[in-house]
PDB file of N, CA and C in Angstrom:
ATOM      1  N   UNK A   1      -5.531   6.773 -26.836  1.00  0.00           N
ATOM      2  CA  UNK A   1      -5.017   6.709 -25.475  1.00  0.00           C
ATOM      3  C   UNK A   1      -6.187   6.872 -24.498  1.00  0.00           C
ATOM      4  N   UNK A   2      -6.266   5.949 -23.558  1.00  0.00           N
ATOM      5  CA  UNK A   2      -7.322   6.012 -22.552  1.00  0.00           C
ATOM      6  C   UNK A   2      -7.037   7.100 -21.532  1.00  0.00           C
ATOM      7  N   UNK A   3      -8.101   7.765 -21.094  1.00  0.00           N
ATOM      8  CA  UNK A   3      -7.907   8.742 -20.023  1.00  0.00           C
ATOM      9  C   UNK A   3      -7.930   8.001 -18.688  1.00  0.00           C
ATOM     10  N   UNK A   4      -7.187   8.499 -17.751  1.00  0.00           N
ATOM     11  CA  UNK A   4      -7.114   7.861 -16.434  1.00  0.00           C
ATOM     12  C   UNK A   4      -8.141   8.504 -15.510  1.00  0.00           C
ATOM     13  N   UNK A   5      -8.775   7.688 -14.704  1.00  0.00           N
ATOM     14  CA  UNK A   5      -9.719   8.193 -13.713  1.00  0.00           C
ATOM     15  C   UNK A   5      -8.956   8.759 -12.534  1.00  0.00           C
ATOM     16  N   UNK A   6      -9.477   9.816 -11.941  1.00  0.00           N
ATOM     17  CA  UNK A   6      -8.866  10.238 -10.672  1.00  0.00           C
ATOM     18  C   UNK A   6      -8.986   9.103  -9.654  1.00  0.00           C
ATOM     19  N   UNK A   7      -7.997   8.965  -8.829  1.00  0.00           N
ATOM     20  CA  UNK A   7      -7.943   7.858  -7.873  1.00  0.00           C
ATOM     21  C   UNK A   7      -9.169   7.826  -6.960  1.00  0.00           C
ATOM     22  N   UNK A   8      -9.751   8.955  -6.651  1.00  0.00           N
ATOM     23  CA  UNK A   8     -10.929   8.973  -5.760  1.00  0.00           C
ATOM     24  C   UNK A   8     -12.058   8.123  -6.330  1.00  0.00           C
ATOM     25  N   UNK A   9     -12.235   8.121  -7.661  1.00  0.00           N
ATOM     26  CA  UNK A   9     -13.296   7.322  -8.279  1.00  0.00           C
ATOM     27  C   UNK A   9     -13.026   5.827  -8.120  1.00  0.00           C
ATOM     28  N   UNK A  10     -11.789   5.439  -8.301  1.00  0.00           N
ATOM     29  CA  UNK A  10     -11.410   4.029  -8.133  1.00  0.00           C
ATOM     30  C   UNK A  10     -11.599   3.611  -6.680  1.00  0.00           C
ATOM     31  N   UNK A  11     -11.185   4.463  -5.752  1.00  0.00           N
ATOM     32  CA  UNK A  11     -11.326   4.132  -4.334  1.00  0.00           C
ATOM     33  C   UNK A  11     -12.787   4.050  -3.921  1.00  0.00           C
ATOM     34  N   UNK A  12     -13.637   4.867  -4.505  1.00  0.00           N
ATOM     35  CA  UNK A  12     -15.076   4.770  -4.212  1.00  0.00           C
ATOM     36  C   UNK A  12     -15.657   3.467  -4.745  1.00  0.00           C
ATOM     37  N   UNK A  13     -15.139   2.993  -5.867  1.00  0.00           N
ATOM     38  CA  UNK A  13     -15.563   1.681  -6.379  1.00  0.00           C
ATOM     39  C   UNK A  13     -15.136   0.579  -5.420  1.00  0.00           C
ATOM     40  N   UNK A  14     -13.952   0.701  -4.857  1.00  0.00           N
ATOM     41  CA  UNK A  14     -13.479  -0.279  -3.876  1.00  0.00           C
ATOM     42  C   UNK A  14     -14.372  -0.241  -2.645  1.00  0.00           C
ATOM     43  N   UNK A  15     -14.736   0.960  -2.191  1.00  0.00           N
ATOM     44  CA  UNK A  15     -15.648   1.070  -1.044  1.00  0.00           C
ATOM     45  C   UNK A  15     -16.968   0.375  -1.339  1.00  0.00           C
ATOM     46  N   UNK A  16     -17.530   0.614  -2.521  1.00  0.00           N
ATOM     47  CA  UNK A  16     -18.798  -0.018  -2.889  1.00  0.00           C
ATOM     48  C   UNK A  16     -18.662  -1.542  -2.917  1.00  0.00           C
ATOM     49  N   UNK A  17     -17.552  -2.026  -3.411  1.00  0.00           N
ATOM     50  CA  UNK A  17     -17.290  -3.469  -3.431  1.00  0.00           C
ATOM     51  C   UNK A  17     -17.279  -4.020  -2.010  1.00  0.00           C
ATOM     52  N   UNK A  18     -16.527  -3.377  -1.117  1.00  0.00           N
ATOM     53  CA  UNK A  18     -16.433  -3.865   0.267  1.00  0.00           C
ATOM     54  C   UNK A  18     -17.766  -3.768   0.998  1.00  0.00           C
ATOM     55  N   UNK A  19     -18.544  -2.731   0.695  1.00  0.00           N
ATOM     56  CA  UNK A  19     -19.849  -2.588   1.346  1.00  0.00           C
ATOM     57  C   UNK A  19     -20.831  -3.668   0.912  1.00  0.00           C
ATOM     58  N   UNK A  20     -20.734  -4.121  -0.313  1.00  0.00           N
ATOM     59  CA  UNK A  20     -21.681  -5.127  -0.816  1.00  0.00           C
ATOM     60  C   UNK A  20     -21.176  -6.557  -0.688  1.00  0.00           C
ATOM     61  N   UNK A  21     -19.911  -6.695  -0.269  1.00  0.00           N
ATOM     62  CA  UNK A  21     -19.329  -8.033  -0.110  1.00  0.00           C
ATOM     63  C   UNK A  21     -18.608  -8.111   1.243  1.00  0.00           C
ATOM     64  N   UNK A  22     -19.361  -8.311   2.303  1.00  0.00           N
ATOM     65  CA  UNK A  22     -18.808  -8.215   3.660  1.00  0.00           C
ATOM     66  C   UNK A  22     -17.815  -9.298   4.059  1.00  0.00           C
ATOM     67  N   UNK A  23     -17.589 -10.272   3.200  1.00  0.00           N
ATOM     68  CA  UNK A  23     -16.594 -11.303   3.532  1.00  0.00           C
ATOM     69  C   UNK A  23     -15.342 -11.199   2.672  1.00  0.00           C
ATOM     70  N   UNK A  24     -15.235 -10.152   1.881  1.00  0.00           N
ATOM     71  CA  UNK A  24     -14.087  -9.978   0.986  1.00  0.00           C
ATOM     72  C   UNK A  24     -13.036  -9.069   1.606  1.00  0.00           C
ATOM     73  N   UNK A  25     -11.782  -9.324   1.271  1.00  0.00           N
ATOM     74  CA  UNK A  25     -10.644  -8.526   1.737  1.00  0.00           C
ATOM     75  C   UNK A  25      -9.864  -8.069   0.513  1.00  0.00           C
ATOM     76  N   UNK A  26      -9.443  -6.815   0.507  1.00  0.00           N
ATOM     77  CA  UNK A  26      -8.668  -6.256  -0.606  1.00  0.00           C
ATOM     78  C   UNK A  26      -7.329  -5.760  -0.079  1.00  0.00           C
ATOM     79  N   UNK A  27      -6.279  -6.016  -0.842  1.00  0.00           N
ATOM     80  CA  UNK A  27      -4.951  -5.492  -0.539  1.00  0.00           C
ATOM     81  C   UNK A  27      -4.546  -4.552  -1.659  1.00  0.00           C
ATOM     82  N   UNK A  28      -4.061  -3.373  -1.276  1.00  0.00           N
ATOM     83  CA  UNK A  28      -3.613  -2.372  -2.251  1.00  0.00           C
ATOM     84  C   UNK A  28      -2.140  -2.072  -1.999  1.00  0.00           C
ATOM     85  N   UNK A  29      -1.354  -2.121  -3.058  1.00  0.00           N
ATOM     86  CA  UNK A  29       0.061  -1.745  -3.009  1.00  0.00           C
ATOM     87  C   UNK A  29       0.196  -0.424  -3.763  1.00  0.00           C
ATOM     88  N   UNK A  30       0.672   0.599  -3.068  1.00  0.00           N
ATOM     89  CA  UNK A  30       0.812   1.924  -3.678  1.00  0.00           C
ATOM     90  C   UNK A  30       2.274   2.189  -4.000  1.00  0.00           C
ATOM     91  N   UNK A  31       2.551   2.446  -5.263  1.00  0.00           N
ATOM     92  CA  UNK A  31       3.866   2.962  -5.638  1.00  0.00           C
ATOM     93  C   UNK A  31       3.780   4.453  -5.345  1.00  0.00           C
ATOM     94  N   UNK A  32       4.233   4.826  -4.188  1.00  0.00           N
ATOM     95  CA  UNK A  32       3.883   6.096  -3.562  1.00  0.00           C
ATOM     96  C   UNK A  32       4.860   7.220  -3.890  1.00  0.00           C
ATOM     97  N   UNK A  33       4.362   8.143  -4.699  1.00  0.00           N
ATOM     98  CA  UNK A  33       5.119   9.353  -5.018  1.00  0.00           C
ATOM     99  C   UNK A  33       4.343  10.589  -4.561  1.00  0.00           C
ATOM    100  N   UNK A  34       3.372  10.393  -3.686  1.00  0.00           N
ATOM    101  CA  UNK A  34       2.536  11.488  -3.197  1.00  0.00           C
ATOM    102  C   UNK A  34       3.358  12.355  -2.248  1.00  0.00           C
ATOM    103  N   UNK A  35       3.405  13.635  -2.533  1.00  0.00           N
ATOM    104  CA  UNK A  35       4.214  14.543  -1.710  1.00  0.00           C
ATOM    105  C   UNK A  35       3.376  15.497  -0.865  1.00  0.00           C
ATOM    106  N   UNK A  36       2.088  15.618  -1.156  1.00  0.00           N
ATOM    107  CA  UNK A  36       1.260  16.515  -0.348  1.00  0.00           C
ATOM    108  C   UNK A  36       1.089  15.921   1.048  1.00  0.00           C
ATOM    109  N   UNK A  37       1.098  16.774   2.072  1.00  0.00           N
ATOM    110  CA  UNK A  37       0.988  16.271   3.452  1.00  0.00           C
ATOM    111  C   UNK A  37      -0.276  15.430   3.648  1.00  0.00           C
ATOM    112  N   UNK A  38      -0.082  14.202   4.088  1.00  0.00           N
ATOM    113  CA  UNK A  38      -1.178  13.256   4.325  1.00  0.00           C
ATOM    114  C   UNK A  38      -2.057  13.031   3.101  1.00  0.00           C
ATOM    115  N   UNK A  39      -1.498  13.215   1.915  1.00  0.00           N
ATOM    116  CA  UNK A  39      -2.275  13.084   0.686  1.00  0.00           C
ATOM    117  C   UNK A  39      -2.935  11.734   0.514  1.00  0.00           C
ATOM    118  N   UNK A  40      -2.209  10.660   0.809  1.00  0.00           N
ATOM    119  CA  UNK A  40      -2.777   9.314   0.664  1.00  0.00           C
ATOM    120  C   UNK A  40      -3.923   9.125   1.651  1.00  0.00           C
ATOM    121  N   UNK A  41      -3.705   9.490   2.895  1.00  0.00           N
ATOM    122  CA  UNK A  41      -4.767   9.355   3.901  1.00  0.00           C
ATOM    123  C   UNK A  41      -5.988  10.187   3.534  1.00  0.00           C
ATOM    124  N   UNK A  42      -5.769  11.383   3.046  1.00  0.00           N
ATOM    125  CA  UNK A  42      -6.893  12.266   2.697  1.00  0.00           C
ATOM    126  C   UNK A  42      -7.778  11.660   1.621  1.00  0.00           C
ATOM    127  N   UNK A  43      -7.170  11.087   0.588  1.00  0.00           N
ATOM    128  CA  UNK A  43      -7.978  10.526  -0.490  1.00  0.00           C
ATOM    129  C   UNK A  43      -8.700   9.249  -0.040  1.00  0.00           C
ATOM    130  N   UNK A  44      -8.067   8.424   0.790  1.00  0.00           N
ATOM    131  CA  UNK A  44      -8.746   7.240   1.319  1.00  0.00           C
ATOM    132  C   UNK A  44      -9.898   7.638   2.247  1.00  0.00           C
ATOM    133  N   UNK A  45      -9.687   8.668   3.052  1.00  0.00           N
ATOM    134  CA  UNK A  45     -10.750   9.156   3.934  1.00  0.00           C
ATOM    135  C   UNK A  45     -11.907   9.724   3.114  1.00  0.00           C
ATOM    136  N   UNK A  46     -11.590  10.517   2.087  1.00  0.00           N
ATOM    137  CA  UNK A  46     -12.630  11.104   1.236  1.00  0.00           C
ATOM    138  C   UNK A  46     -13.440  10.035   0.519  1.00  0.00           C
ATOM    139  N   UNK A  47     -12.821   8.914   0.230  1.00  0.00           N
ATOM    140  CA  UNK A  47     -13.520   7.809  -0.444  1.00  0.00           C
ATOM    141  C   UNK A  47     -14.336   6.962   0.528  1.00  0.00           C
ATOM    142  N   UNK A  48     -14.220   7.240   1.828  1.00  0.00           N
ATOM    143  CA  UNK A  48     -14.986   6.491   2.817  1.00  0.00           C
ATOM    144  C   UNK A  48     -14.409   5.120   3.135  1.00  0.00           C
ATOM    145  N   UNK A  49     -13.109   4.967   2.967  1.00  0.00           N
ATOM    146  CA  UNK A  49     -12.489   3.660   3.181  1.00  0.00           C
ATOM    147  C   UNK A  49     -11.868   3.465   4.553  1.00  0.00           C
ATOM    148  N   UNK A  50     -11.789   4.484   5.353  1.00  0.00           N
ATOM    149  CA  UNK A  50     -11.120   4.369   6.660  1.00  0.00           C
ATOM    150  C   UNK A  50     -11.769   3.286   7.521  1.00  0.00           C
ATOM    151  N   UNK A  51     -13.063   3.110   7.435  1.00  0.00           N
ATOM    152  CA  UNK A  51     -13.757   2.128   8.286  1.00  0.00           C
ATOM    153  C   UNK A  51     -13.341   0.687   7.990  1.00  0.00           C
ATOM    154  N   UNK A  52     -12.712   0.467   6.827  1.00  0.00           N
ATOM    155  CA  UNK A  52     -12.269  -0.879   6.453  1.00  0.00           C
ATOM    156  C   UNK A  52     -10.766  -1.092   6.666  1.00  0.00           C
ATOM    157  N   UNK A  53     -10.041  -0.036   6.956  1.00  0.00           N
ATOM    158  CA  UNK A  53      -8.571  -0.025   6.979  1.00  0.00           C
ATOM    159  C   UNK A  53      -8.010  -0.950   8.048  1.00  0.00           C
ATOM    160  N   UNK A  54      -7.088  -1.818   7.654  1.00  0.00           N
ATOM    161  CA  UNK A  54      -6.367  -2.665   8.606  1.00  0.00           C
ATOM    162  C   UNK A  54      -5.279  -1.789   9.239  1.00  0.00           C
ATOM    163  N   UNK A  55      -5.348  -1.532  10.543  1.00  0.00           N
ATOM    164  CA  UNK A  55      -4.409  -0.595  11.163  1.00  0.00           C
ATOM    165  C   UNK A  55      -2.976  -1.131  11.257  1.00  0.00           C
ATOM    166  N   UNK A  56      -2.037  -0.226  11.058  1.00  0.00           N
ATOM    167  CA  UNK A  56      -0.618  -0.584  11.158  1.00  0.00           C
ATOM    168  C   UNK A  56      -0.319  -1.186  12.524  1.00  0.00           C
ATOM    169  N   UNK A  57      -0.968  -0.700  13.559  1.00  0.00           N
ATOM    170  CA  UNK A  57      -0.716  -1.207  14.914  1.00  0.00           C
ATOM    171  C   UNK A  57      -1.064  -2.682  15.057  1.00  0.00           C
ATOM    172  N   UNK A  58      -1.880  -3.222  14.154  1.00  0.00           N
ATOM    173  CA  UNK A  58      -2.272  -4.637  14.193  1.00  0.00           C
ATOM    174  C   UNK A  58      -1.431  -5.505  13.257  1.00  0.00           C
ATOM    175  N   UNK A  59      -0.544  -4.875  12.487  1.00  0.00           N
ATOM    176  CA  UNK A  59       0.309  -5.634  11.562  1.00  0.00           C
ATOM    177  C   UNK A  59       1.250  -6.533  12.368  1.00  0.00           C
ATOM    178  N   UNK A  60       1.530  -7.724  11.853  1.00  0.00           N
ATOM    179  CA  UNK A  60       2.424  -8.631  12.583  1.00  0.00           C
ATOM    180  C   UNK A  60       3.846  -8.080  12.640  1.00  0.00           C
ATOM    181  N   UNK A  61       4.438  -8.147  13.801  1.00  0.00           N
ATOM    182  CA  UNK A  61       5.805  -7.662  14.007  1.00  0.00           C
ATOM    183  C   UNK A  61       6.730  -8.843  14.279  1.00  0.00           C
ATOM    184  N   UNK A  62       7.978  -8.704  13.873  1.00  0.00           N
ATOM    185  CA  UNK A  62       9.021  -9.695  14.166  1.00  0.00           C
ATOM    186  C   UNK A  62       8.612 -11.122  13.810  1.00  0.00           C
ATOM    187  N   UNK A  63       8.042 -11.299  12.628  1.00  0.00           N
ATOM    188  CA  UNK A  63       7.676 -12.637  12.169  1.00  0.00           C
ATOM    189  C   UNK A  63       6.394 -13.177  12.768  1.00  0.00           C
ATOM    190  N   UNK A  64       5.650 -12.326  13.452  1.00  0.00           N
ATOM    191  CA  UNK A  64       4.380 -12.756  14.043  1.00  0.00           C
ATOM    192  C   UNK A  64       3.356 -13.119  12.980  1.00  0.00           C
ATOM    193  N   UNK A  65       2.282 -13.730  13.412  1.00  0.00           N
ATOM    194  CA  UNK A  65       1.241 -14.183  12.498  1.00  0.00           C
ATOM    195  C   UNK A  65       0.223 -13.090  12.214  1.00  0.00           C
ATOM    196  N   UNK A  66      -0.298 -13.115  11.005  1.00  0.00           N
ATOM    197  CA  UNK A  66      -1.425 -12.266  10.645  1.00  0.00           C
ATOM    198  C   UNK A  66      -2.669 -12.823  11.333  1.00  0.00           C
ATOM    199  N   UNK A  67      -3.660 -12.001  11.569  1.00  0.00           N
ATOM    200  CA  UNK A  67      -4.916 -12.543  12.095  1.00  0.00           C
ATOM    201  C   UNK A  67      -5.557 -13.439  11.037  1.00  0.00           C
ATOM    202  N   UNK A  68      -6.461 -14.261  11.457  1.00  0.00           N
ATOM    203  CA  UNK A  68      -7.178 -15.102  10.505  1.00  0.00           C
ATOM    204  C   UNK A  68      -8.108 -14.225   9.665  1.00  0.00           C
ATOM    205  N   UNK A  69      -8.505 -14.747   8.521  1.00  0.00           N
ATOM    206  CA  UNK A  69      -9.467 -14.044   7.675  1.00  0.00           C
ATOM    207  C   UNK A  69     -10.760 -13.812   8.456  1.00  0.00           C
ATOM    208  N   UNK A  70     -11.164 -14.822   9.216  1.00  0.00           N
ATOM    209  CA  UNK A  70     -12.391 -14.701  10.015  1.00  0.00           C
ATOM    210  C   UNK A  70     -12.290 -13.527  10.998  1.00  0.00           C
ATOM    211  N   UNK A  71     -11.139 -13.378  11.639  1.00  0.00           N
ATOM    212  CA  UNK A  71     -10.929 -12.279  12.584  1.00  0.00           C
ATOM    213  C   UNK A  71     -10.907 -10.928  11.863  1.00  0.00           C
ATOM    214  N   UNK A  72     -10.274 -10.873  10.714  1.00  0.00           N
ATOM    215  CA  UNK A  72     -10.236  -9.628   9.946  1.00  0.00           C
ATOM    216  C   UNK A  72     -11.650  -9.206   9.535  1.00  0.00           C
ATOM    217  N   UNK A  73     -12.449 -10.159   9.115  1.00  0.00           N
ATOM    218  CA  UNK A  73     -13.832  -9.866   8.729  1.00  0.00           C
ATOM    219  C   UNK A  73     -14.635  -9.420   9.945  1.00  0.00           C
ATOM    220  N   UNK A  74     -14.462 -10.107  11.069  1.00  0.00           N
ATOM    221  CA  UNK A  74     -15.197  -9.751  12.283  1.00  0.00           C
ATOM    222  C   UNK A  74     -14.902  -8.315  12.720  1.00  0.00           C
ATOM    223  N   UNK A  75     -13.652  -7.910  12.604  1.00  0.00           N
ATOM    224  CA  UNK A  75     -13.249  -6.557  13.001  1.00  0.00           C
ATOM    225  C   UNK A  75     -13.461  -5.524  11.881  1.00  0.00           C
ATOM    226  N   UNK A  76     -13.865  -5.986  10.717  1.00  0.00           N
ATOM    227  CA  UNK A  76     -14.044  -5.144   9.536  1.00  0.00           C
ATOM    228  C   UNK A  76     -12.722  -4.519   9.070  1.00  0.00           C
ATOM    229  N   UNK A  77     -11.627  -5.208   9.305  1.00  0.00           N
ATOM    230  CA  UNK A  77     -10.302  -4.793   8.822  1.00  0.00           C
ATOM    231  C   UNK A  77     -10.072  -5.473   7.480  1.00  0.00           C
ATOM    232  N   UNK A  78     -10.788  -5.028   6.471  1.00  0.00           N
ATOM    233  CA  UNK A  78     -10.814  -5.744   5.191  1.00  0.00           C
ATOM    234  C   UNK A  78     -10.099  -5.015   4.064  1.00  0.00           C
ATOM    235  N   UNK A  79      -9.386  -3.954   4.407  1.00  0.00           N
ATOM    236  CA  UNK A  79      -8.590  -3.235   3.421  1.00  0.00           C
ATOM    237  C   UNK A  79      -7.169  -3.107   3.951  1.00  0.00           C
ATOM    238  N   UNK A  80      -6.249  -3.769   3.278  1.00  0.00           N
ATOM    239  CA  UNK A  80      -4.842  -3.722   3.678  1.00  0.00           C
ATOM    240  C   UNK A  80      -4.138  -2.841   2.658  1.00  0.00           C
ATOM    241  N   UNK A  81      -3.503  -1.780   3.149  1.00  0.00           N
ATOM    242  CA  UNK A  81      -2.842  -0.829   2.255  1.00  0.00           C
ATOM    243  C   UNK A  81      -1.360  -0.774   2.588  1.00  0.00           C
ATOM    244  N   UNK A  82      -0.552  -0.958   1.552  1.00  0.00           N
ATOM    245  CA  UNK A  82       0.899  -0.872   1.698  1.00  0.00           C
ATOM    246  C   UNK A  82       1.417   0.275   0.838  1.00  0.00           C
ATOM    247  N   UNK A  83       2.417   0.978   1.348  1.00  0.00           N
ATOM    248  CA  UNK A  83       3.083   2.038   0.607  1.00  0.00           C
ATOM    249  C   UNK A  83       4.527   1.642   0.310  1.00  0.00           C
ATOM    250  N   UNK A  84       5.053   2.200  -0.762  1.00  0.00           N
ATOM    251  CA  UNK A  84       6.462   1.991  -1.098  1.00  0.00           C
ATOM    252  C   UNK A  84       7.356   3.021  -0.406  1.00  0.00           C
ATOM    253  N   UNK A  85       6.758   3.947   0.318  1.00  0.00           N
ATOM    254  CA  UNK A  85       7.501   5.018   0.985  1.00  0.00           C
ATOM    255  C   UNK A  85       7.678   4.677   2.467  1.00  0.00           C
ATOM    256  N   UNK A  86       8.885   4.304   2.860  1.00  0.00           N
ATOM    257  CA  UNK A  86       9.152   3.844   4.228  1.00  0.00           C
ATOM    258  C   UNK A  86       8.849   4.902   5.277  1.00  0.00           C
ATOM    259  N   UNK A  87       8.981   6.167   4.941  1.00  0.00           N
ATOM    260  CA  UNK A  87       8.772   7.224   5.941  1.00  0.00           C
ATOM    261  C   UNK A  87       7.314   7.386   6.341  1.00  0.00           C
ATOM    262  N   UNK A  88       6.407   6.890   5.523  1.00  0.00           N
ATOM    263  CA  UNK A  88       4.983   7.102   5.807  1.00  0.00           C
ATOM    264  C   UNK A  88       4.423   6.180   6.886  1.00  0.00           C
ATOM    265  N   UNK A  89       5.141   5.120   7.216  1.00  0.00           N
ATOM    266  CA  UNK A  89       4.612   4.236   8.259  1.00  0.00           C
ATOM    267  C   UNK A  89       4.579   4.945   9.605  1.00  0.00           C
ATOM    268  N   UNK A  90       5.642   5.636   9.944  1.00  0.00           N
ATOM    269  CA  UNK A  90       5.703   6.289  11.251  1.00  0.00           C
ATOM    270  C   UNK A  90       4.798   7.511  11.365  1.00  0.00           C
ATOM    271  N   UNK A  91       4.826   8.374  10.361  1.00  0.00           N
ATOM    272  CA  UNK A  91       4.097   9.625  10.548  1.00  0.00           C
ATOM    273  C   UNK A  91       2.726   9.667   9.882  1.00  0.00           C
ATOM    274  N   UNK A  92       2.408   8.711   8.998  1.00  0.00           N
ATOM    275  CA  UNK A  92       1.081   8.696   8.391  1.00  0.00           C
ATOM    276  C   UNK A  92       0.322   7.400   8.658  1.00  0.00           C
ATOM    277  N   UNK A  93       0.976   6.457   9.324  1.00  0.00           N
ATOM    278  CA  UNK A  93       0.357   5.177   9.707  1.00  0.00           C
ATOM    279  C   UNK A  93      -0.116   4.362   8.508  1.00  0.00           C
ATOM    280  N   UNK A  94       0.723   4.377   7.442  1.00  0.00           N
ATOM    281  CA  UNK A  94       0.485   3.529   6.276  1.00  0.00           C
ATOM    282  C   UNK A  94       1.624   2.517   6.250  1.00  0.00           C
ATOM    283  N   UNK A  95       1.291   1.245   6.186  1.00  0.00           N
ATOM    284  CA  UNK A  95       2.286   0.177   6.291  1.00  0.00           C
ATOM    285  C   UNK A  95       3.299   0.222   5.151  1.00  0.00           C
ATOM    286  N   UNK A  96       4.586   0.220   5.506  1.00  0.00           N
ATOM    287  CA  UNK A  96       5.654   0.140   4.511  1.00  0.00           C
ATOM    288  C   UNK A  96       5.754  -1.308   4.048  1.00  0.00           C
ATOM    289  N   UNK A  97       5.573  -1.520   2.765  1.00  0.00           N
ATOM    290  CA  UNK A  97       5.432  -2.847   2.192  1.00  0.00           C
ATOM    291  C   UNK A  97       6.528  -3.823   2.622  1.00  0.00           C
ATOM    292  N   UNK A  98       7.797  -3.396   2.648  1.00  0.00           N
ATOM    293  CA  UNK A  98       8.879  -4.340   2.909  1.00  0.00           C
ATOM    294  C   UNK A  98       9.050  -4.670   4.387  1.00  0.00           C
ATOM    295  N   UNK A  99       8.246  -4.078   5.241  1.00  0.00           N
ATOM    296  CA  UNK A  99       8.223  -4.504   6.646  1.00  0.00           C
ATOM    297  C   UNK A  99       7.313  -5.718   6.845  1.00  0.00           C
ATOM    298  N   UNK A 100       6.483  -6.039   5.837  1.00  0.00           N
ATOM    299  CA  UNK A 100       5.469  -7.076   6.014  1.00  0.00           C
ATOM    300  C   UNK A 100       5.367  -8.083   4.879  1.00  0.00           C
ATOM    301  N   UNK A 101       5.966  -7.800   3.735  1.00  0.00           N
ATOM    302  CA  UNK A 101       5.805  -8.635   2.553  1.00  0.00           C
ATOM    303  C   UNK A 101       7.168  -9.191   2.140  1.00  0.00           C
ATOM    304  N   UNK A 102       7.170 -10.424   1.677  1.00  0.00           N
ATOM    305  CA  UNK A 102       8.387 -11.056   1.183  1.00  0.00           C
ATOM    306  C   UNK A 102       8.168 -11.356  -0.291  1.00  0.00           C
ATOM    307  N   UNK A 103       9.138 -11.001  -1.108  1.00  0.00           N
ATOM    308  CA  UNK A 103       9.040 -11.247  -2.538  1.00  0.00           C
ATOM    309  C   UNK A 103       9.663 -12.599  -2.855  1.00  0.00           C
ATOM    310  N   UNK A 104       9.109 -13.268  -3.873  1.00  0.00           N
ATOM    311  CA  UNK A 104       9.670 -14.557  -4.264  1.00  0.00           C
ATOM    312  C   UNK A 104      11.076 -14.374  -4.827  1.00  0.00           C
ATOM    313  N   UNK A 105      11.824 -15.442  -4.846  1.00  0.00           N
ATOM    314  CA  UNK A 105      13.197 -15.425  -5.335  1.00  0.00           C
ATOM    315  C   UNK A 105      13.190 -15.402  -6.861  1.00  0.00           C
ATOM    316  N   UNK A 106      13.617 -14.294  -7.463  1.00  0.00           N
ATOM    317  CA  UNK A 106      13.628 -14.148  -8.915  1.00  0.00           C
ATOM    318  C   UNK A 106      14.595 -15.139  -9.572  1.00  0.00           C
ATOM    319  N   UNK A 107      15.613 -15.584  -8.841  1.00  0.00           N
ATOM    320  CA  UNK A 107      16.567 -16.547  -9.381  1.00  0.00           C
ATOM    321  C   UNK A 107      15.855 -17.849  -9.750  1.00  0.00           C
ATOM    322  N   UNK A 108      14.835 -18.215  -9.002  1.00  0.00           N
ATOM    323  CA  UNK A 108      14.075 -19.429  -9.281  1.00  0.00           C
ATOM    324  C   UNK A 108      13.505 -19.387 -10.688  1.00  0.00           C
ATOM    325  N   UNK A 109      12.935 -18.246 -11.086  1.00  0.00           N
ATOM    326  CA  UNK A 109      12.368 -18.118 -12.427  1.00  0.00           C
ATOM    327  C   UNK A 109      13.463 -18.192 -13.476  1.00  0.00           C
ATOM    328  N   UNK A 110      14.636 -17.643 -13.193  1.00  0.00           N
ATOM    329  CA  UNK A 110      15.745 -17.686 -14.130  1.00  0.00           C
ATOM    330  C   UNK A 110      16.189 -19.124 -14.373  1.00  0.00           C
ATOM    331  N   UNK A 111      16.238 -19.917 -13.308  1.00  0.00           N
ATOM    332  CA  UNK A 111      16.672 -21.314 -13.427  1.00  0.00           C
ATOM    333  C   UNK A 111      15.628 -22.197 -14.079  1.00  0.00           C
ATOM    334  N   UNK A 112      14.359 -21.969 -13.765  1.00  0.00           N
ATOM    335  CA  UNK A 112      13.312 -22.890 -14.203  1.00  0.00           C
ATOM    336  C   UNK A 112      12.310 -22.267 -15.169  1.00  0.00           C
ATOM    337  N   UNK A 113      12.565 -21.057 -15.611  1.00  0.00           N
ATOM    338  CA  UNK A 113      11.610 -20.410 -16.525  1.00  0.00           C
ATOM    339  C   UNK A 113      10.317 -20.101 -15.810  1.00  0.00           C
ATOM    340  N   UNK A 114       9.241 -20.149 -16.516  1.00  0.00           N
ATOM    341  CA  UNK A 114       7.938 -19.839 -15.927  1.00  0.00           C
ATOM    342  C   UNK A 114       7.207 -21.077 -15.447  1.00  0.00           C
ATOM    343  N   UNK A 115       7.845 -22.231 -15.515  1.00  0.00           N
ATOM    344  CA  UNK A 115       7.209 -23.465 -15.065  1.00  0.00           C
ATOM    345  C   UNK A 115       7.090 -23.489 -13.543  1.00  0.00           C
ATOM    346  N   UNK A 116       6.023 -24.066 -13.076  1.00  0.00           N
ATOM    347  CA  UNK A 116       5.862 -24.282 -11.643  1.00  0.00           C
ATOM    348  C   UNK A 116       6.392 -25.664 -11.340  1.00  0.00           C
ATOM    349  N   UNK A 117       7.369 -25.730 -10.465  1.00  0.00           N
ATOM    350  CA  UNK A 117       8.000 -27.013 -10.143  1.00  0.00           C
ATOM    351  C   UNK A 117       7.446 -27.531  -8.840  1.00  0.00           C
TER     352      UNK A 117
END
C-alpha cells in the first residue's frame, strides 16, 4: 500500500509548476470534507498558491463568459479551485463547483456506450 503525501507537498509541487510555466492554468476540484476553520485556505496559503488564485469575485455569474486564457495569464489568475462544499463560497471565498460547472449528460453514455458520436 502506497503512503499518501500530505496535501501541502502536492500543493507546493503545483506552485513550482506554475512558477516555471507562466502560460499554464490548473483547475483543482476538491471533494471537501475539511472541517477546520479556513483549513483549505490555510493550506493553499502555506503552499504559496494565493498569488495564482482565480478569485470568486471574477467567476462568471448568470451564464456570463469566463475571461480568455490570455486575460487569465495576464492577471496571473492561473489556479482555479472548486469545492464540493456550497457553504464555503460565501464565507471562505472558494468557488462552489456547481455554481460554475456543468456535468455531461450521463444518459448519453448509457445510450451510446463509450463511443464518441
